[in-house]
Amino acid sequence: EDGAMKYGKVKIEDADDLDDGTYYFV
């Protein structure tokens, strides 16, 4: 949506290249 980097614990949905779910980025 806004192009900003995701970091920390995030929930991703409806992404073209990642499965829906919870992720953690440093």
PDB file of all heavy atoms in Angstrom:
ATOM      1  N   GLU A   1       0.817  -1.212   0.000  1.00  0.00           N
ATOM      2  CA  GLU A   1       0.000   0.000   0.000  1.00  0.00           C
ATOM      3  C   GLU A   1       0.855   1.268   0.000  1.00  0.00           C
ATOM      4  O   GLU A   1       0.751   2.100  -0.892  1.00  0.00           O
ATOM      5  CB  GLU A   1      -0.935   0.009   1.205  1.00  0.00           C
ATOM      6  CG  GLU A   1      -1.989  -1.095   1.177  1.00  0.00           C
ATOM      7  CD  GLU A   1      -2.988  -0.924   0.045  1.00  0.00           C
ATOM      8  OE1 GLU A   1      -3.289   0.236  -0.315  1.00  0.00           O
ATOM      9  OE2 GLU A   1      -3.453  -1.951  -0.492  1.00  0.00           O
ATOM     10  N   ASP A   2       1.697   1.434   1.018  1.00  0.00           N
ATOM     11  CA  ASP A   2       2.471   2.671   1.133  1.00  0.00           C
ATOM     12  C   ASP A   2       3.949   2.504   0.802  1.00  0.00           C
ATOM     13  O   ASP A   2       4.700   3.478   0.791  1.00  0.00           O
ATOM     14  CB  ASP A   2       2.310   3.296   2.521  1.00  0.00           C
ATOM     15  CG  ASP A   2       2.929   2.449   3.639  1.00  0.00           C
ATOM     16  OD1 ASP A   2       3.561   1.405   3.355  1.00  0.00           O
ATOM     17  OD2 ASP A   2       2.762   2.831   4.810  1.00  0.00           O
ATOM     18  N   GLY A   3       4.387   1.275   0.527  1.00  0.00           N
ATOM     19  CA  GLY A   3       5.770   1.047   0.129  1.00  0.00           C
ATOM     20  C   GLY A   3       6.773   0.976   1.261  1.00  0.00           C
ATOM     21  O   GLY A   3       7.948   0.696   1.026  1.00  0.00           O
ATOM     22  N   ALA A   4       6.369   1.225   2.499  1.00  0.00           N
ATOM     23  CA  ALA A   4       7.296   1.245   3.626  1.00  0.00           C
ATOM     24  C   ALA A   4       7.744  -0.166   3.999  1.00  0.00           C
ATOM     25  O   ALA A   4       6.979  -1.133   3.913  1.00  0.00           O
ATOM     26  CB  ALA A   4       6.659   1.924   4.830  1.00  0.00           C
ATOM     27  N   MET A   5       9.002  -0.269   4.417  1.00  0.00           N
ATOM     28  CA  MET A   5       9.544  -1.556   4.848  1.00  0.00           C
ATOM     29  C   MET A   5       8.795  -2.073   6.075  1.00  0.00           C
ATOM     30  O   MET A   5       8.472  -1.320   6.991  1.00  0.00           O
ATOM     31  CB  MET A   5      11.026  -1.413   5.188  1.00  0.00           C
ATOM     32  CG  MET A   5      11.655  -2.658   5.807  1.00  0.00           C
ATOM     33  SD  MET A   5      13.361  -2.382   6.354  1.00  0.00           S
ATOM     34  CE  MET A   5      14.218  -2.470   4.771  1.00  0.00           C
ATOM     35  N   LYS A   6       8.534  -3.383   6.083  1.00  0.00           N
ATOM     36  CA  LYS A   6       7.954  -4.030   7.240  1.00  0.00           C
ATOM     37  C   LYS A   6       9.076  -4.556   8.134  1.00  0.00           C
ATOM     38  O   LYS A   6      10.030  -5.183   7.643  1.00  0.00           O
ATOM     39  CB  LYS A   6       7.062  -5.187   6.812  1.00  0.00           C
ATOM     40  CG  LYS A   6       5.799  -4.782   6.073  1.00  0.00           C
ATOM     41  CD  LYS A   6       4.812  -4.070   6.978  1.00  0.00           C
ATOM     42  CE  LYS A   6       3.468  -3.889   6.306  1.00  0.00           C
ATOM     43  NZ  LYS A   6       2.495  -3.185   7.197  1.00  0.00           N
ATOM     44  N   TYR A   7       8.967  -4.323   9.413  1.00  0.00           N
ATOM     45  CA  TYR A   7       9.916  -4.896  10.361  1.00  0.00           C
ATOM     46  C   TYR A   7       9.202  -5.132  11.684  1.00  0.00           C
ATOM     47  O   TYR A   7       8.136  -4.580  11.959  1.00  0.00           O
ATOM     48  CB  TYR A   7      11.159  -4.028  10.551  1.00  0.00           C
ATOM     49  CG  TYR A   7      10.893  -2.572  10.820  1.00  0.00           C
ATOM     50  CD1 TYR A   7      10.634  -2.136  12.107  1.00  0.00           C
ATOM     51  CD2 TYR A   7      10.919  -1.640   9.790  1.00  0.00           C
ATOM     52  CE1 TYR A   7      10.404  -0.802  12.364  1.00  0.00           C
ATOM     53  CE2 TYR A   7      10.686  -0.315  10.028  1.00  0.00           C
ATOM     54  CZ  TYR A   7      10.429   0.102  11.310  1.00  0.00           C
ATOM     55  OH  TYR A   7      10.194   1.426  11.553  1.00  0.00           O
ATOM     56  N   GLY A   8       9.824  -6.012  12.495  1.00  0.00           N
ATOM     57  CA  GLY A   8       9.143  -6.460  13.692  1.00  0.00           C
ATOM     58  C   GLY A   8       8.129  -7.532  13.343  1.00  0.00           C
ATOM     59  O   GLY A   8       8.129  -8.124  12.271  1.00  0.00           O
ATOM     60  N   LYS A   9       7.220  -7.830  14.274  1.00  0.00           N
ATOM     61  CA  LYS A   9       6.173  -8.827  14.081  1.00  0.00           C
ATOM     62  C   LYS A   9       5.007  -8.182  13.329  1.00  0.00           C
ATOM     63  O   LYS A   9       4.419  -7.210  13.797  1.00  0.00           O
ATOM     64  CB  LYS A   9       5.715  -9.378  15.421  1.00  0.00           C
ATOM     65  CG  LYS A   9       4.705 -10.511  15.330  1.00  0.00           C
ATOM     66  CD  LYS A   9       4.345 -11.020  16.716  1.00  0.00           C
ATOM     67  CE  LYS A   9       3.336 -12.157  16.644  1.00  0.00           C
ATOM     68  NZ  LYS A   9       2.967 -12.655  17.996  1.00  0.00           N
ATOM     69  N   VAL A  10       4.687  -8.700  12.151  1.00  0.00           N
ATOM     70  CA  VAL A  10       3.630  -8.117  11.328  1.00  0.00           C
ATOM     71  C   VAL A  10       2.745  -9.218  10.768  1.00  0.00           C
ATOM     72  O   VAL A  10       3.173 -10.380  10.628  1.00  0.00           O
ATOM     73  CB  VAL A  10       4.224  -7.285  10.171  1.00  0.00           C
ATOM     74  CG1 VAL A  10       5.000  -6.098  10.694  1.00  0.00           C
ATOM     75  CG2 VAL A  10       5.093  -8.136   9.263  1.00  0.00           C
ATOM     76  N   LYS A  11       1.531  -8.861  10.433  1.00  0.00           N
ATOM     77  CA  LYS A  11       0.599  -9.763   9.786  1.00  0.00           C
ATOM     78  C   LYS A  11       0.446  -9.335   8.337  1.00  0.00           C
ATOM     79  O   LYS A  11       0.162  -8.177   8.053  1.00  0.00           O
ATOM     80  CB  LYS A  11      -0.746  -9.753  10.502  1.00  0.00           C
ATOM     81  CG  LYS A  11      -1.647 -10.900  10.119  1.00  0.00           C
ATOM     82  CD  LYS A  11      -2.844 -11.014  11.053  1.00  0.00           C
ATOM     83  CE  LYS A  11      -3.662 -12.247  10.721  1.00  0.00           C
ATOM     84  NZ  LYS A  11      -4.788 -12.421  11.663  1.00  0.00           N
ATOM     85  N   ILE A  12       0.625 -10.260   7.426  1.00  0.00           N
ATOM     86  CA  ILE A  12       0.563  -9.953   6.004  1.00  0.00           C
ATOM     87  C   ILE A  12      -0.586 -10.714   5.375  1.00  0.00           C
ATOM     88  O   ILE A  12      -0.718 -11.937   5.562  1.00  0.00           O
ATOM     89  CB  ILE A  12       1.892 -10.296   5.306  1.00  0.00           C
ATOM     90  CG1 ILE A  12       3.024  -9.427   5.871  1.00  0.00           C
ATOM     91  CG2 ILE A  12       1.774 -10.112   3.796  1.00  0.00           C
ATOM     92  CD1 ILE A  12       4.392  -9.744   5.299  1.00  0.00           C
ATOM     93  N   GLU A  13      -1.408 -10.001   4.627  1.00  0.00           N
ATOM     94  CA  GLU A  13      -2.542 -10.599   3.946  1.00  0.00           C
ATOM     95  C   GLU A  13      -2.618 -10.078   2.521  1.00  0.00           C
ATOM     96  O   GLU A  13      -2.257  -8.926   2.242  1.00  0.00           O
ATOM     97  CB  GLU A  13      -3.859 -10.296   4.678  1.00  0.00           C
ATOM     98  CG  GLU A  13      -3.959 -10.908   6.064  1.00  0.00           C
ATOM     99  CD  GLU A  13      -5.267 -10.566   6.762  1.00  0.00           C
ATOM    100  OE1 GLU A  13      -5.909  -9.576   6.344  1.00  0.00           O
ATOM    101  OE2 GLU A  13      -5.643 -11.272   7.706  1.00  0.00           O
ATOM    102  N   ASP A  14      -3.094 -10.939   1.641  1.00  0.00           N
ATOM    103  CA  ASP A  14      -3.339 -10.570   0.244  1.00  0.00           C
ATOM    104  C   ASP A  14      -2.093 -10.053  -0.463  1.00  0.00           C
ATOM    105  O   ASP A  14      -2.175  -9.184  -1.337  1.00  0.00           O
ATOM    106  CB  ASP A  14      -4.451  -9.509   0.159  1.00  0.00           C
ATOM    107  CG  ASP A  14      -5.767 -10.010   0.748  1.00  0.00           C
ATOM    108  OD1 ASP A  14      -6.076 -11.210   0.579  1.00  0.00           O
ATOM    109  OD2 ASP A  14      -6.472  -9.195   1.380  1.00  0.00           O
ATOM    110  N   ALA A  15      -0.944 -10.558  -0.086  1.00  0.00           N
ATOM    111  CA  ALA A  15       0.295 -10.199  -0.769  1.00  0.00           C
ATOM    112  C   ALA A  15       0.477 -11.073  -2.005  1.00  0.00           C
ATOM    113  O   ALA A  15       0.053 -12.234  -2.042  1.00  0.00           O
ATOM    114  CB  ALA A  15       1.485 -10.354   0.161  1.00  0.00           C
ATOM    115  N   ASP A  16       1.100 -10.510  -3.016  1.00  0.00           N
ATOM    116  CA  ASP A  16       1.309 -11.260  -4.252  1.00  0.00           C
ATOM    117  C   ASP A  16       2.373 -12.339  -4.113  1.00  0.00           C
ATOM    118  O   ASP A  16       2.332 -13.351  -4.814  1.00  0.00           O
ATOM    119  CB  ASP A  16       1.708 -10.303  -5.382  1.00  0.00           C
ATOM    120  CG  ASP A  16       0.582  -9.366  -5.783  1.00  0.00           C
ATOM    121  OD1 ASP A  16      -0.593  -9.732  -5.590  1.00  0.00           O
ATOM    122  OD2 ASP A  16       0.881  -8.257  -6.282  1.00  0.00           O
ATOM    123  N   ASP A  17       3.327 -12.134  -3.229  1.00  0.00           N
ATOM    124  CA  ASP A  17       4.480 -13.030  -3.182  1.00  0.00           C
ATOM    125  C   ASP A  17       4.744 -13.635  -1.814  1.00  0.00           C
ATOM    126  O   ASP A  17       5.789 -14.252  -1.589  1.00  0.00           O
ATOM    127  CB  ASP A  17       5.737 -12.295  -3.656  1.00  0.00           C
ATOM    128  CG  ASP A  17       5.771 -10.842  -3.179  1.00  0.00           C
ATOM    129  OD1 ASP A  17       5.023 -10.501  -2.244  1.00  0.00           O
ATOM    130  OD2 ASP A  17       6.531 -10.050  -3.776  1.00  0.00           O
ATOM    131  N   LEU A  18       3.800 -13.499  -0.875  1.00  0.00           N
ATOM    132  CA  LEU A  18       3.913 -14.126   0.429  1.00  0.00           C
ATOM    133  C   LEU A  18       2.563 -14.699   0.835  1.00  0.00           C
ATOM    134  O   LEU A  18       1.516 -14.102   0.545  1.00  0.00           O
ATOM    135  CB  LEU A  18       4.389 -13.130   1.495  1.00  0.00           C
ATOM    136  CG  LEU A  18       5.843 -12.682   1.460  1.00  0.00           C
ATOM    137  CD1 LEU A  18       6.103 -11.661   2.561  1.00  0.00           C
ATOM    138  CD2 LEU A  18       6.809 -13.842   1.574  1.00  0.00           C
ATOM    139  N   ASP A  19       2.609 -15.853   1.522  1.00  0.00           N
ATOM    140  CA  ASP A  19       1.375 -16.429   2.033  1.00  0.00           C
ATOM    141  C   ASP A  19       0.815 -15.573   3.171  1.00  0.00           C
ATOM    142  O   ASP A  19       1.569 -14.901   3.887  1.00  0.00           O
ATOM    143  CB  ASP A  19       1.623 -17.859   2.534  1.00  0.00           C
ATOM    144  CG  ASP A  19       2.022 -18.815   1.416  1.00  0.00           C
ATOM    145  OD1 ASP A  19       1.603 -18.587   0.265  1.00  0.00           O
ATOM    146  OD2 ASP A  19       2.762 -19.786   1.706  1.00  0.00           O
ATOM    147  N   ASP A  20      -0.488 -15.599   3.304  1.00  0.00           N
ATOM    148  CA  ASP A  20      -1.105 -14.908   4.436  1.00  0.00           C
ATOM    149  C   ASP A  20      -0.569 -15.496   5.733  1.00  0.00           C
ATOM    150  O   ASP A  20      -0.406 -16.725   5.867  1.00  0.00           O
ATOM    151  CB  ASP A  20      -2.621 -15.056   4.398  1.00  0.00           C
ATOM    152  CG  ASP A  20      -3.267 -14.307   3.250  1.00  0.00           C
ATOM    153  OD1 ASP A  20      -2.534 -13.575   2.543  1.00  0.00           O
ATOM    154  OD2 ASP A  20      -4.493 -14.440   3.065  1.00  0.00           O
ATOM    155  N   GLY A  21      -0.303 -14.620   6.695  1.00  0.00           N
ATOM    156  CA  GLY A  21       0.157 -15.132   7.973  1.00  0.00           C
ATOM    157  C   GLY A  21       0.955 -14.098   8.740  1.00  0.00           C
ATOM    158  O   GLY A  21       1.031 -12.919   8.383  1.00  0.00           O
ATOM    159  N   THR A  22       1.575 -14.591   9.827  1.00  0.00           N
ATOM    160  CA  THR A  22       2.385 -13.744  10.696  1.00  0.00           C
ATOM    161  C   THR A  22       3.856 -13.914  10.346  1.00  0.00           C
ATOM    162  O   THR A  22       4.328 -15.031  10.121  1.00  0.00           O
ATOM    163  CB  THR A  22       2.157 -14.100  12.166  1.00  0.00           C
ATOM    164  OG1 THR A  22       0.767 -13.938  12.484  1.00  0.00           O
ATOM    165  CG2 THR A  22       2.983 -13.199  13.077  1.00  0.00           C
ATOM    166  N   TYR A  23       4.565 -12.779  10.336  1.00  0.00           N
ATOM    167  CA  TYR A  23       5.975 -12.777   9.970  1.00  0.00           C
ATOM    168  C   TYR A  23       6.755 -11.942  10.969  1.00  0.00           C
ATOM    169  O   TYR A  23       6.199 -11.063  11.643  1.00  0.00           O
ATOM    170  CB  TYR A  23       6.178 -12.204   8.570  1.00  0.00           C
ATOM    171  CG  TYR A  23       5.630 -13.074   7.462  1.00  0.00           C
ATOM    172  CD1 TYR A  23       4.266 -13.070   7.157  1.00  0.00           C
ATOM    173  CD2 TYR A  23       6.468 -13.883   6.711  1.00  0.00           C
ATOM    174  CE1 TYR A  23       3.758 -13.878   6.159  1.00  0.00           C
ATOM    175  CE2 TYR A  23       5.964 -14.682   5.692  1.00  0.00           C
ATOM    176  CZ  TYR A  23       4.618 -14.671   5.423  1.00  0.00           C
ATOM    177  OH  TYR A  23       4.127 -15.464   4.397  1.00  0.00           O
ATOM    178  N   TYR A  24       8.050 -12.249  11.027  1.00  0.00           N
ATOM    179  CA  TYR A  24       8.931 -11.417  11.841  1.00  0.00           C
ATOM    180  C   TYR A  24      10.155 -11.026  11.009  1.00  0.00           C
ATOM    181  O   TYR A  24      10.840 -11.872  10.445  1.00  0.00           O
ATOM    182  CB  TYR A  24       9.371 -12.118  13.121  1.00  0.00           C
ATOM    183  CG  TYR A  24      10.268 -11.226  13.965  1.00  0.00           C
ATOM    184  CD1 TYR A  24       9.729 -10.196  14.713  1.00  0.00           C
ATOM    185  CD2 TYR A  24      11.652 -11.395  13.972  1.00  0.00           C
ATOM    186  CE1 TYR A  24      10.546  -9.344  15.458  1.00  0.00           C
ATOM    187  CE2 TYR A  24      12.471 -10.567  14.715  1.00  0.00           C
ATOM    188  CZ  TYR A  24      11.915  -9.521  15.447  1.00  0.00           C
ATOM    189  OH  TYR A  24      12.719  -8.677  16.161  1.00  0.00           O
ATOM    190  N   PHE A  25      10.409  -9.702  10.969  1.00  0.00           N
ATOM    191  CA  PHE A  25      11.571  -9.143  10.298  1.00  0.00           C
ATOM    192  C   PHE A  25      12.403  -8.400  11.337  1.00  0.00           C
ATOM    193  O   PHE A  25      11.863  -7.726  12.215  1.00  0.00           O
ATOM    194  CB  PHE A  25      11.137  -8.194   9.174  1.00  0.00           C
ATOM    195  CG  PHE A  25      10.263  -8.848   8.137  1.00  0.00           C
ATOM    196  CD1 PHE A  25       8.876  -8.774   8.224  1.00  0.00           C
ATOM    197  CD2 PHE A  25      10.817  -9.553   7.090  1.00  0.00           C
ATOM    198  CE1 PHE A  25       8.060  -9.381   7.282  1.00  0.00           C
ATOM    199  CE2 PHE A  25      10.009 -10.162   6.128  1.00  0.00           C
ATOM    200  CZ  PHE A  25       8.630 -10.080   6.227  1.00  0.00           C
ATOM    201  N   VAL A  26      13.692  -8.547  11.230  1.00  0.00           N
ATOM    202  CA  VAL A  26      14.608  -7.973  12.214  1.00  0.00           C
ATOM    203  C   VAL A  26      14.241  -6.527  12.507  1.00  0.00           C
ATOM    204  O   VAL A  26      14.078  -5.713  11.588  1.00  0.00           O
ATOM    205  CB  VAL A  26      16.062  -8.080  11.733  1.00  0.00           C
ATOM    206  CG1 VAL A  26      17.003  -7.373  12.705  1.00  0.00           C
ATOM    207  CG2 VAL A  26      16.467  -9.542  11.582  1.00  0.00           C
TER     208      VAL A  26
END
